[in-house]
mmCIF file of all heavy atoms, coordinates in Angstrom:
data_MODEL
# 
_entry.id   MODEL 
# 
loop_
_atom_site.group_PDB 
_atom_site.id 
_atom_site.type_symbol 
_atom_site.label_atom_id 
_atom_site.label_alt_id 
_atom_site.label_comp_id 
_atom_site.label_asym_id 
_atom_site.label_entity_id 
_atom_site.label_seq_id 
_atom_site.pdbx_PDB_ins_code 
_atom_site.Cartn_x 
_atom_site.Cartn_y 
_atom_site.Cartn_z 
_atom_site.occupancy 
_atom_site.B_iso_or_equiv 
_atom_site.pdbx_formal_charge 
_atom_site.auth_seq_id 
_atom_site.auth_comp_id 
_atom_site.auth_asym_id 
_atom_site.auth_atom_id 
_atom_site.pdbx_PDB_model_num 
ATOM 1   N N   . THR A 1 1  ? 77.653 59.794 102.651 1.00 0.00 ? 1  THR A N   1 
ATOM 2   C CA  . THR A 1 1  ? 78.849 59.216 102.024 1.00 0.00 ? 1  THR A CA  1 
ATOM 3   C C   . THR A 1 1  ? 79.164 60.083 100.802 1.00 0.00 ? 1  THR A C   1 
ATOM 4   O O   . THR A 1 1  ? 78.640 59.845 99.715  1.00 0.00 ? 1  THR A O   1 
ATOM 5   C CB  . THR A 1 1  ? 78.606 57.753 101.611 1.00 0.00 ? 1  THR A CB  1 
ATOM 6   O OG1 . THR A 1 1  ? 77.410 57.669 100.828 1.00 0.00 ? 1  THR A OG1 1 
ATOM 7   C CG2 . THR A 1 1  ? 78.466 56.866 102.837 1.00 0.00 ? 1  THR A CG2 1 
ATOM 8   N N   . PRO A 1 2  ? 80.013 61.106 100.959 1.00 0.00 ? 2  PRO A N   1 
ATOM 9   C CA  . PRO A 1 2  ? 80.217 62.090 99.893  1.00 0.00 ? 2  PRO A CA  1 
ATOM 10  C C   . PRO A 1 2  ? 80.807 61.510 98.601  1.00 0.00 ? 2  PRO A C   1 
ATOM 11  O O   . PRO A 1 2  ? 80.743 62.172 97.559  1.00 0.00 ? 2  PRO A O   1 
ATOM 12  C CB  . PRO A 1 2  ? 81.193 63.093 100.527 1.00 0.00 ? 2  PRO A CB  1 
ATOM 13  C CG  . PRO A 1 2  ? 81.090 62.878 101.988 1.00 0.00 ? 2  PRO A CG  1 
ATOM 14  C CD  . PRO A 1 2  ? 80.764 61.443 102.183 1.00 0.00 ? 2  PRO A CD  1 
ATOM 15  N N   . GLN A 1 3  ? 81.375 60.315 98.652  1.00 0.00 ? 3  GLN A N   1 
ATOM 16  C CA  . GLN A 1 3  ? 81.887 59.720 97.424  1.00 0.00 ? 3  GLN A CA  1 
ATOM 17  C C   . GLN A 1 3  ? 80.753 59.303 96.497  1.00 0.00 ? 3  GLN A C   1 
ATOM 18  O O   . GLN A 1 3  ? 80.931 59.242 95.284  1.00 0.00 ? 3  GLN A O   1 
ATOM 19  C CB  . GLN A 1 3  ? 82.777 58.515 97.755  1.00 0.00 ? 3  GLN A CB  1 
ATOM 20  C CG  . GLN A 1 3  ? 84.097 58.903 98.407  1.00 0.00 ? 3  GLN A CG  1 
ATOM 21  C CD  . GLN A 1 3  ? 84.829 57.703 98.978  1.00 0.00 ? 3  GLN A CD  1 
ATOM 22  O OE1 . GLN A 1 3  ? 84.328 57.039 99.885  1.00 0.00 ? 3  GLN A OE1 1 
ATOM 23  N NE2 . GLN A 1 3  ? 86.004 57.414 98.457  1.00 0.00 ? 3  GLN A NE2 1 
ATOM 24  N N   . GLY A 1 4  ? 79.605 58.983 97.068  1.00 0.00 ? 4  GLY A N   1 
ATOM 25  C CA  . GLY A 1 4  ? 78.434 58.684 96.268  1.00 0.00 ? 4  GLY A CA  1 
ATOM 26  C C   . GLY A 1 4  ? 78.476 57.362 95.530  1.00 0.00 ? 4  GLY A C   1 
ATOM 27  O O   . GLY A 1 4  ? 77.603 57.074 94.703  1.00 0.00 ? 4  GLY A O   1 
ATOM 28  N N   . ARG A 1 5  ? 79.453 56.532 95.808  1.00 0.00 ? 5  ARG A N   1 
ATOM 29  C CA  . ARG A 1 5  ? 79.587 55.232 95.152  1.00 0.00 ? 5  ARG A CA  1 
ATOM 30  C C   . ARG A 1 5  ? 80.519 54.378 95.998  1.00 0.00 ? 5  ARG A C   1 
ATOM 31  O O   . ARG A 1 5  ? 81.238 54.891 96.863  1.00 0.00 ? 5  ARG A O   1 
ATOM 32  C CB  . ARG A 1 5  ? 80.165 55.369 93.739  1.00 0.00 ? 5  ARG A CB  1 
ATOM 33  C CG  . ARG A 1 5  ? 81.563 56.003 93.721  1.00 0.00 ? 5  ARG A CG  1 
ATOM 34  C CD  . ARG A 1 5  ? 82.066 56.330 92.319  1.00 0.00 ? 5  ARG A CD  1 
ATOM 35  N NE  . ARG A 1 5  ? 83.377 56.971 92.364  1.00 0.00 ? 5  ARG A NE  1 
ATOM 36  C CZ  . ARG A 1 5  ? 84.537 56.316 92.328  1.00 0.00 ? 5  ARG A CZ  1 
ATOM 37  N NH1 . ARG A 1 5  ? 84.542 54.977 92.242  1.00 0.00 ? 5  ARG A NH1 1 
ATOM 38  N NH2 . ARG A 1 5  ? 85.683 56.967 92.366  1.00 0.00 ? 5  ARG A NH2 1 
ATOM 39  N N   . PHE A 1 6  ? 80.502 53.064 95.745  1.00 0.00 ? 6  PHE A N   1 
ATOM 40  C CA  . PHE A 1 6  ? 81.443 52.194 96.435  1.00 0.00 ? 6  PHE A CA  1 
ATOM 41  C C   . PHE A 1 6  ? 82.854 52.454 95.909  1.00 0.00 ? 6  PHE A C   1 
ATOM 42  O O   . PHE A 1 6  ? 83.091 52.460 94.691  1.00 0.00 ? 6  PHE A O   1 
ATOM 43  C CB  . PHE A 1 6  ? 81.092 50.730 96.212  1.00 0.00 ? 6  PHE A CB  1 
ATOM 44  C CG  . PHE A 1 6  ? 79.800 50.306 96.865  1.00 0.00 ? 6  PHE A CG  1 
ATOM 45  C CD1 . PHE A 1 6  ? 78.837 49.630 96.148  1.00 0.00 ? 6  PHE A CD1 1 
ATOM 46  C CD2 . PHE A 1 6  ? 79.560 50.594 98.189  1.00 0.00 ? 6  PHE A CD2 1 
ATOM 47  C CE1 . PHE A 1 6  ? 77.646 49.237 96.749  1.00 0.00 ? 6  PHE A CE1 1 
ATOM 48  C CE2 . PHE A 1 6  ? 78.374 50.213 98.811  1.00 0.00 ? 6  PHE A CE2 1 
ATOM 49  C CZ  . PHE A 1 6  ? 77.419 49.530 98.086  1.00 0.00 ? 6  PHE A CZ  1 
ATOM 50  N N   . VAL A 1 7  ? 83.800 52.663 96.834  1.00 0.00 ? 7  VAL A N   1 
ATOM 51  C CA  . VAL A 1 7  ? 85.179 52.988 96.468  1.00 0.00 ? 7  VAL A CA  1 
ATOM 52  C C   . VAL A 1 7  ? 86.123 52.182 97.353  1.00 0.00 ? 7  VAL A C   1 
ATOM 53  O O   . VAL A 1 7  ? 85.943 52.120 98.572  1.00 0.00 ? 7  VAL A O   1 
ATOM 54  C CB  . VAL A 1 7  ? 85.464 54.497 96.647  1.00 0.00 ? 7  VAL A CB  1 
ATOM 55  C CG1 . VAL A 1 7  ? 86.902 54.817 96.240  1.00 0.00 ? 7  VAL A CG1 1 
ATOM 56  C CG2 . VAL A 1 7  ? 84.490 55.327 95.822  1.00 0.00 ? 7  VAL A CG2 1 
ATOM 57  N N   . ASP A 1 8  ? 87.131 51.582 96.759  1.00 0.00 ? 8  ASP A N   1 
ATOM 58  C CA  . ASP A 1 8  ? 88.133 50.866 97.538  1.00 0.00 ? 8  ASP A CA  1 
ATOM 59  C C   . ASP A 1 8  ? 88.757 51.810 98.564  1.00 0.00 ? 8  ASP A C   1 
ATOM 60  O O   . ASP A 1 8  ? 89.053 52.965 98.250  1.00 0.00 ? 8  ASP A O   1 
ATOM 61  C CB  . ASP A 1 8  ? 89.223 50.316 96.607  1.00 0.00 ? 8  ASP A CB  1 
ATOM 62  C CG  . ASP A 1 8  ? 90.193 49.417 97.347  1.00 0.00 ? 8  ASP A CG  1 
ATOM 63  O OD1 . ASP A 1 8  ? 91.138 49.949 97.969  1.00 0.00 ? 8  ASP A OD1 1 
ATOM 64  O OD2 . ASP A 1 8  ? 90.016 48.185 97.303  1.00 0.00 ? 8  ASP A OD2 1 
ATOM 65  N N   . PRO A 1 9  ? 88.964 51.342 99.815  1.00 0.00 ? 9  PRO A N   1 
ATOM 66  C CA  . PRO A 1 9  ? 89.468 52.245 100.851 1.00 0.00 ? 9  PRO A CA  1 
ATOM 67  C C   . PRO A 1 9  ? 90.865 52.787 100.591 1.00 0.00 ? 9  PRO A C   1 
ATOM 68  O O   . PRO A 1 9  ? 91.271 53.757 101.230 1.00 0.00 ? 9  PRO A O   1 
ATOM 69  C CB  . PRO A 1 9  ? 89.438 51.375 102.121 1.00 0.00 ? 9  PRO A CB  1 
ATOM 70  C CG  . PRO A 1 9  ? 89.430 49.971 101.638 1.00 0.00 ? 9  PRO A CG  1 
ATOM 71  C CD  . PRO A 1 9  ? 88.693 49.992 100.344 1.00 0.00 ? 9  PRO A CD  1 
ATOM 72  N N   . ARG A 1 10 ? 91.610 52.186 99.661  1.00 0.00 ? 10 ARG A N   1 
ATOM 73  C CA  . ARG A 1 10 ? 92.959 52.687 99.352  1.00 0.00 ? 10 ARG A CA  1 
ATOM 74  C C   . ARG A 1 10 ? 92.978 53.621 98.137  1.00 0.00 ? 10 ARG A C   1 
ATOM 75  O O   . ARG A 1 10 ? 94.016 54.156 97.785  1.00 0.00 ? 10 ARG A O   1 
ATOM 76  C CB  . ARG A 1 10 ? 93.909 51.513 99.093  1.00 0.00 ? 10 ARG A CB  1 
ATOM 77  C CG  . ARG A 1 10 ? 94.026 50.506 100.236 1.00 0.00 ? 10 ARG A CG  1 
ATOM 78  C CD  . ARG A 1 10 ? 94.711 51.107 101.460 1.00 0.00 ? 10 ARG A CD  1 
ATOM 79  N NE  . ARG A 1 10 ? 95.016 50.069 102.438 1.00 0.00 ? 10 ARG A NE  1 
ATOM 80  C CZ  . ARG A 1 10 ? 94.210 49.742 103.433 1.00 0.00 ? 10 ARG A CZ  1 
ATOM 81  N NH1 . ARG A 1 10 ? 93.058 50.364 103.583 1.00 0.00 ? 10 ARG A NH1 1 
ATOM 82  N NH2 . ARG A 1 10 ? 94.538 48.790 104.287 1.00 0.00 ? 10 ARG A NH2 1 
ATOM 83  N N   . GLU A 1 11 ? 91.854 53.817 97.499  1.00 0.00 ? 11 GLU A N   1 
ATOM 84  C CA  . GLU A 1 11 ? 91.832 54.668 96.296  1.00 0.00 ? 11 GLU A CA  1 
ATOM 85  C C   . GLU A 1 11 ? 92.028 56.128 96.675  1.00 0.00 ? 11 GLU A C   1 
ATOM 86  O O   . GLU A 1 11 ? 91.388 56.652 97.572  1.00 0.00 ? 11 GLU A O   1 
ATOM 87  C CB  . GLU A 1 11 ? 90.504 54.489 95.557  1.00 0.00 ? 11 GLU A CB  1 
ATOM 88  C CG  . GLU A 1 11 ? 90.425 55.283 94.251  1.00 0.00 ? 11 GLU A CG  1 
ATOM 89  C CD  . GLU A 1 11 ? 89.151 54.995 93.474  1.00 0.00 ? 11 GLU A CD  1 
ATOM 90  O OE1 . GLU A 1 11 ? 88.784 53.795 93.380  1.00 0.00 ? 11 GLU A OE1 1 
ATOM 91  O OE2 . GLU A 1 11 ? 88.523 55.953 92.966  1.00 0.00 ? 11 GLU A OE2 1 
ATOM 92  N N   . ARG A 1 12 ? 92.927 56.791 95.956  1.00 0.00 ? 12 ARG A N   1 
ATOM 93  C CA  . ARG A 1 12 ? 93.183 58.212 96.134  1.00 0.00 ? 12 ARG A CA  1 
ATOM 94  C C   . ARG A 1 12 ? 93.287 58.873 94.762  1.00 0.00 ? 12 ARG A C   1 
ATOM 95  O O   . ARG A 1 12 ? 93.864 58.294 93.856  1.00 0.00 ? 12 ARG A O   1 
ATOM 96  C CB  . ARG A 1 12 ? 94.491 58.459 96.917  1.00 0.00 ? 12 ARG A CB  1 
ATOM 97  C CG  . ARG A 1 12 ? 94.554 57.809 98.284  1.00 0.00 ? 12 ARG A CG  1 
ATOM 98  C CD  . ARG A 1 12 ? 93.597 58.483 99.296  1.00 0.00 ? 12 ARG A CD  1 
ATOM 99  N NE  . ARG A 1 12 ? 93.764 57.899 100.627 1.00 0.00 ? 12 ARG A NE  1 
ATOM 100 C CZ  . ARG A 1 12 ? 93.116 56.824 101.066 1.00 0.00 ? 12 ARG A CZ  1 
ATOM 101 N NH1 . ARG A 1 12 ? 92.247 56.191 100.281 1.00 0.00 ? 12 ARG A NH1 1 
ATOM 102 N NH2 . ARG A 1 12 ? 93.327 56.353 102.284 1.00 0.00 ? 12 ARG A NH2 1 
ATOM 103 N N   . PRO A 1 13 ? 92.723 60.065 94.578  1.00 0.00 ? 13 PRO A N   1 
ATOM 104 C CA  . PRO A 1 13 ? 91.937 60.830 95.544  1.00 0.00 ? 13 PRO A CA  1 
ATOM 105 C C   . PRO A 1 13 ? 90.592 60.171 95.805  1.00 0.00 ? 13 PRO A C   1 
ATOM 106 O O   . PRO A 1 13 ? 90.153 59.299 95.054  1.00 0.00 ? 13 PRO A O   1 
ATOM 107 C CB  . PRO A 1 13 ? 91.787 62.189 94.872  1.00 0.00 ? 13 PRO A CB  1 
ATOM 108 C CG  . PRO A 1 13 ? 91.849 61.889 93.406  1.00 0.00 ? 13 PRO A CG  1 
ATOM 109 C CD  . PRO A 1 13 ? 92.838 60.768 93.275  1.00 0.00 ? 13 PRO A CD  1 
ATOM 110 N N   . LEU A 1 14 ? 89.938 60.634 96.851  1.00 0.00 ? 14 LEU A N   1 
ATOM 111 C CA  . LEU A 1 14 ? 88.669 60.032 97.228  1.00 0.00 ? 14 LEU A CA  1 
ATOM 112 C C   . LEU A 1 14 ? 87.561 60.337 96.228  1.00 0.00 ? 14 LEU A C   1 
ATOM 113 O O   . LEU A 1 14 ? 86.631 59.555 96.068  1.00 0.00 ? 14 LEU A O   1 
ATOM 114 C CB  . LEU A 1 14 ? 88.247 60.518 98.620  1.00 0.00 ? 14 LEU A CB  1 
ATOM 115 C CG  . LEU A 1 14 ? 89.185 60.181 99.773  1.00 0.00 ? 14 LEU A CG  1 
ATOM 116 C CD1 . LEU A 1 14 ? 88.619 60.739 101.075 1.00 0.00 ? 14 LEU A CD1 1 
ATOM 117 C CD2 . LEU A 1 14 ? 89.410 58.685 99.893  1.00 0.00 ? 14 LEU A CD2 1 
ATOM 118 N N   . GLY A 1 15 ? 87.661 61.486 95.561  1.00 0.00 ? 15 GLY A N   1 
ATOM 119 C CA  . GLY A 1 15 ? 86.668 61.834 94.551  1.00 0.00 ? 15 GLY A CA  1 
ATOM 120 C C   . GLY A 1 15 ? 85.310 62.169 95.145  1.00 0.00 ? 15 GLY A C   1 
ATOM 121 O O   . GLY A 1 15 ? 84.301 61.572 94.772  1.00 0.00 ? 15 GLY A O   1 
ATOM 122 N N   . LEU A 1 16 ? 85.285 63.155 96.052  1.00 0.00 ? 16 LEU A N   1 
ATOM 123 C CA  . LEU A 1 16 ? 84.028 63.514 96.708  1.00 0.00 ? 16 LEU A CA  1 
ATOM 124 C C   . LEU A 1 16 ? 83.123 64.307 95.776  1.00 0.00 ? 16 LEU A C   1 
ATOM 125 O O   . LEU A 1 16 ? 83.582 65.155 95.014  1.00 0.00 ? 16 LEU A O   1 
ATOM 126 C CB  . LEU A 1 16 ? 84.312 64.345 97.967  1.00 0.00 ? 16 LEU A CB  1 
ATOM 127 C CG  . LEU A 1 16 ? 85.277 63.747 98.996  1.00 0.00 ? 16 LEU A CG  1 
ATOM 128 C CD1 . LEU A 1 16 ? 85.331 64.645 100.225 1.00 0.00 ? 16 LEU A CD1 1 
ATOM 129 C CD2 . LEU A 1 16 ? 84.883 62.334 99.372  1.00 0.00 ? 16 LEU A CD2 1 
ATOM 130 N N   . ARG A 1 17 ? 81.838 64.028 95.856  1.00 0.00 ? 17 ARG A N   1 
ATOM 131 C CA  . ARG A 1 17 ? 80.864 64.824 95.136  1.00 0.00 ? 17 ARG A CA  1 
ATOM 132 C C   . ARG A 1 17 ? 80.633 66.141 95.881  1.00 0.00 ? 17 ARG A C   1 
ATOM 133 O O   . ARG A 1 17 ? 80.880 66.246 97.079  1.00 0.00 ? 17 ARG A O   1 
ATOM 134 C CB  . ARG A 1 17 ? 79.562 64.041 94.981  1.00 0.00 ? 17 ARG A CB  1 
ATOM 135 C CG  . ARG A 1 17 ? 79.722 62.822 94.061  1.00 0.00 ? 17 ARG A CG  1 
ATOM 136 C CD  . ARG A 1 17 ? 78.411 62.140 93.811  1.00 0.00 ? 17 ARG A CD  1 
ATOM 137 N NE  . ARG A 1 17 ? 78.565 61.004 92.899  1.00 0.00 ? 17 ARG A NE  1 
ATOM 138 C CZ  . ARG A 1 17 ? 77.572 60.233 92.470  1.00 0.00 ? 17 ARG A CZ  1 
ATOM 139 N NH1 . ARG A 1 17 ? 76.328 60.478 92.892  1.00 0.00 ? 17 ARG A NH1 1 
ATOM 140 N NH2 . ARG A 1 17 ? 77.782 59.243 91.640  1.00 0.00 ? 17 ARG A NH2 1 
ATOM 141 N N   . PRO A 1 18 ? 80.133 67.166 95.192  1.00 0.00 ? 18 PRO A N   1 
ATOM 142 C CA  . PRO A 1 18 ? 80.121 68.516 95.791  1.00 0.00 ? 18 PRO A CA  1 
ATOM 143 C C   . PRO A 1 18 ? 78.979 68.805 96.749  1.00 0.00 ? 18 PRO A C   1 
ATOM 144 O O   . PRO A 1 18 ? 78.971 69.858 97.388  1.00 0.00 ? 18 PRO A O   1 
ATOM 145 C CB  . PRO A 1 18 ? 80.017 69.422 94.561  1.00 0.00 ? 18 PRO A CB  1 
ATOM 146 C CG  . PRO A 1 18 ? 79.291 68.604 93.544  1.00 0.00 ? 18 PRO A CG  1 
ATOM 147 C CD  . PRO A 1 18 ? 79.756 67.183 93.769  1.00 0.00 ? 18 PRO A CD  1 
ATOM 148 N N   . GLY A 1 19 ? 78.006 67.906 96.883  1.00 0.00 ? 19 GLY A N   1 
ATOM 149 C CA  . GLY A 1 19 ? 76.815 68.230 97.661  1.00 0.00 ? 19 GLY A CA  1 
ATOM 150 C C   . GLY A 1 19 ? 77.082 68.623 99.096  1.00 0.00 ? 19 GLY A C   1 
ATOM 151 O O   . GLY A 1 19 ? 76.531 69.614 99.600  1.00 0.00 ? 19 GLY A O   1 
ATOM 152 N N   . VAL A 1 20 ? 77.922 67.876 99.789  1.00 0.00 ? 20 VAL A N   1 
ATOM 153 C CA  . VAL A 1 20 ? 78.189 68.165 101.207 1.00 0.00 ? 20 VAL A CA  1 
ATOM 154 C C   . VAL A 1 20 ? 78.948 69.485 101.352 1.00 0.00 ? 20 VAL A C   1 
ATOM 155 O O   . VAL A 1 20 ? 78.708 70.252 102.291 1.00 0.00 ? 20 VAL A O   1 
ATOM 156 C CB  . VAL A 1 20 ? 78.970 67.015 101.864 1.00 0.00 ? 20 VAL A CB  1 
ATOM 157 C CG1 . VAL A 1 20 ? 79.261 67.337 103.318 1.00 0.00 ? 20 VAL A CG1 1 
ATOM 158 C CG2 . VAL A 1 20 ? 78.178 65.720 101.774 1.00 0.00 ? 20 VAL A CG2 1 
ATOM 159 N N   . ALA A 1 21 ? 79.857 69.781 100.424 1.00 0.00 ? 21 ALA A N   1 
ATOM 160 C CA  . ALA A 1 21 ? 80.580 71.054 100.467 1.00 0.00 ? 21 ALA A CA  1 
ATOM 161 C C   . ALA A 1 21 ? 79.615 72.231 100.326 1.00 0.00 ? 21 ALA A C   1 
ATOM 162 O O   . ALA A 1 21 ? 79.742 73.245 101.029 1.00 0.00 ? 21 ALA A O   1 
ATOM 163 C CB  . ALA A 1 21 ? 81.634 71.091 99.364  1.00 0.00 ? 21 ALA A CB  1 
ATOM 164 N N   . HIS A 1 22 ? 78.650 72.113 99.440  1.00 0.00 ? 22 HIS A N   1 
ATOM 165 C CA  . HIS A 1 22 ? 77.640 73.169 99.305  1.00 0.00 ? 22 HIS A CA  1 
ATOM 166 C C   . HIS A 1 22 ? 76.807 73.286 100.579 1.00 0.00 ? 22 HIS A C   1 
ATOM 167 O O   . HIS A 1 22 ? 76.451 74.403 101.003 1.00 0.00 ? 22 HIS A O   1 
ATOM 168 C CB  . HIS A 1 22 ? 76.737 72.867 98.109  1.00 0.00 ? 22 HIS A CB  1 
ATOM 169 C CG  . HIS A 1 22 ? 77.339 73.233 96.797  1.00 0.00 ? 22 HIS A CG  1 
ATOM 170 N ND1 . HIS A 1 22 ? 77.192 74.479 96.225  1.00 0.00 ? 22 HIS A ND1 1 
ATOM 171 C CD2 . HIS A 1 22 ? 78.103 72.514 95.929  1.00 0.00 ? 22 HIS A CD2 1 
ATOM 172 C CE1 . HIS A 1 22 ? 77.837 74.518 95.070  1.00 0.00 ? 22 HIS A CE1 1 
ATOM 173 N NE2 . HIS A 1 22 ? 78.393 73.331 94.866  1.00 0.00 ? 22 HIS A NE2 1 
ATOM 174 N N   . LEU A 1 23 ? 76.510 72.154 101.205 1.00 0.00 ? 23 LEU A N   1 
ATOM 175 C CA  . LEU A 1 23 ? 75.729 72.180 102.444 1.00 0.00 ? 23 LEU A CA  1 
ATOM 176 C C   . LEU A 1 23 ? 76.494 72.889 103.555 1.00 0.00 ? 23 LEU A C   1 
ATOM 177 O O   . LEU A 1 23 ? 75.929 73.714 104.289 1.00 0.00 ? 23 LEU A O   1 
ATOM 178 C CB  . LEU A 1 23 ? 75.388 70.749 102.855 1.00 0.00 ? 23 LEU A CB  1 
ATOM 179 C CG  . LEU A 1 23 ? 74.542 70.569 104.115 1.00 0.00 ? 23 LEU A CG  1 
ATOM 180 C CD1 . LEU A 1 23 ? 73.201 71.273 103.989 1.00 0.00 ? 23 LEU A CD1 1 
ATOM 181 C CD2 . LEU A 1 23 ? 74.349 69.078 104.410 1.00 0.00 ? 23 LEU A CD2 1 
ATOM 182 N N   . LEU A 1 24 ? 77.781 72.615 103.689 1.00 0.00 ? 24 LEU A N   1 
ATOM 183 C CA  . LEU A 1 24 ? 78.593 73.252 104.723 1.00 0.00 ? 24 LEU A CA  1 
ATOM 184 C C   . LEU A 1 24 ? 78.729 74.750 104.481 1.00 0.00 ? 24 LEU A C   1 
ATOM 185 O O   . LEU A 1 24 ? 78.743 75.540 105.434 1.00 0.00 ? 24 LEU A O   1 
ATOM 186 C CB  . LEU A 1 24 ? 79.973 72.593 104.782 1.00 0.00 ? 24 LEU A CB  1 
ATOM 187 C CG  . LEU A 1 24 ? 79.993 71.182 105.368 1.00 0.00 ? 24 LEU A CG  1 
ATOM 188 C CD1 . LEU A 1 24 ? 81.337 70.508 105.110 1.00 0.00 ? 24 LEU A CD1 1 
ATOM 189 C CD2 . LEU A 1 24 ? 79.706 71.219 106.866 1.00 0.00 ? 24 LEU A CD2 1 
ATOM 190 N N   . ALA A 1 25 ? 78.817 75.135 103.213 1.00 0.00 ? 25 ALA A N   1 
ATOM 191 C CA  . ALA A 1 25 ? 78.918 76.560 102.903 1.00 0.00 ? 25 ALA A CA  1 
ATOM 192 C C   . ALA A 1 25 ? 77.634 77.300 103.271 1.00 0.00 ? 25 ALA A C   1 
ATOM 193 O O   . ALA A 1 25 ? 77.659 78.498 103.556 1.00 0.00 ? 25 ALA A O   1 
ATOM 194 C CB  . ALA A 1 25 ? 79.223 76.742 101.419 1.00 0.00 ? 25 ALA A CB  1 
ATOM 195 N N   . ARG A 1 26 ? 76.521 76.582 103.287 1.00 0.00 ? 26 ARG A N   1 
ATOM 196 C CA  . ARG A 1 26 ? 75.228 77.192 103.594 1.00 0.00 ? 26 ARG A CA  1 
ATOM 197 C C   . ARG A 1 26 ? 74.864 77.100 105.072 1.00 0.00 ? 26 ARG A C   1 
ATOM 198 O O   . ARG A 1 26 ? 73.921 77.776 105.509 1.00 0.00 ? 26 ARG A O   1 
ATOM 199 C CB  . ARG A 1 26 ? 74.119 76.508 102.791 1.00 0.00 ? 26 ARG A CB  1 
ATOM 200 C CG  . ARG A 1 26 ? 74.239 76.681 101.297 1.00 0.00 ? 26 ARG A CG  1 
ATOM 201 C CD  . ARG A 1 26 ? 73.050 76.027 100.599 1.00 0.00 ? 26 ARG A CD  1 
ATOM 202 N NE  . ARG A 1 26 ? 73.137 76.145 99.161  1.00 0.00 ? 26 ARG A NE  1 
ATOM 203 C CZ  . ARG A 1 26 ? 72.091 76.015 98.339  1.00 0.00 ? 26 ARG A CZ  1 
ATOM 204 N NH1 . ARG A 1 26 ? 70.887 75.771 98.845  1.00 0.00 ? 26 ARG A NH1 1 
ATOM 205 N NH2 . ARG A 1 26 ? 72.238 76.131 97.037  1.00 0.00 ? 26 ARG A NH2 1 
ATOM 206 N N   . MET A 1 27 ? 75.544 76.230 105.834 1.00 0.00 ? 27 MET A N   1 
ATOM 207 C CA  . MET A 1 27 ? 75.150 75.978 107.212 1.00 0.00 ? 27 MET A CA  1 
ATOM 208 C C   . MET A 1 27 ? 76.316 76.198 108.178 1.00 0.00 ? 27 MET A C   1 
ATOM 209 O O   . MET A 1 27 ? 76.954 75.241 108.627 1.00 0.00 ? 27 MET A O   1 
ATOM 210 C CB  . MET A 1 27 ? 74.615 74.555 107.360 1.00 0.00 ? 27 MET A CB  1 
ATOM 211 C CG  . MET A 1 27 ? 73.331 74.307 106.599 1.00 0.00 ? 27 MET A CG  1 
ATOM 212 S SD  . MET A 1 27 ? 72.363 72.987 107.364 1.00 0.00 ? 27 MET A SD  1 
ATOM 213 C CE  . MET A 1 27 ? 71.887 73.743 108.916 1.00 0.00 ? 27 MET A CE  1 
# 
């Protein structure tokens, strides 16, 4: 869950944390 916290489903922007992006760049 890249948001890393509970977030209302209508909230924008989603505010993703960077961990998954770093993982994709490495894999």
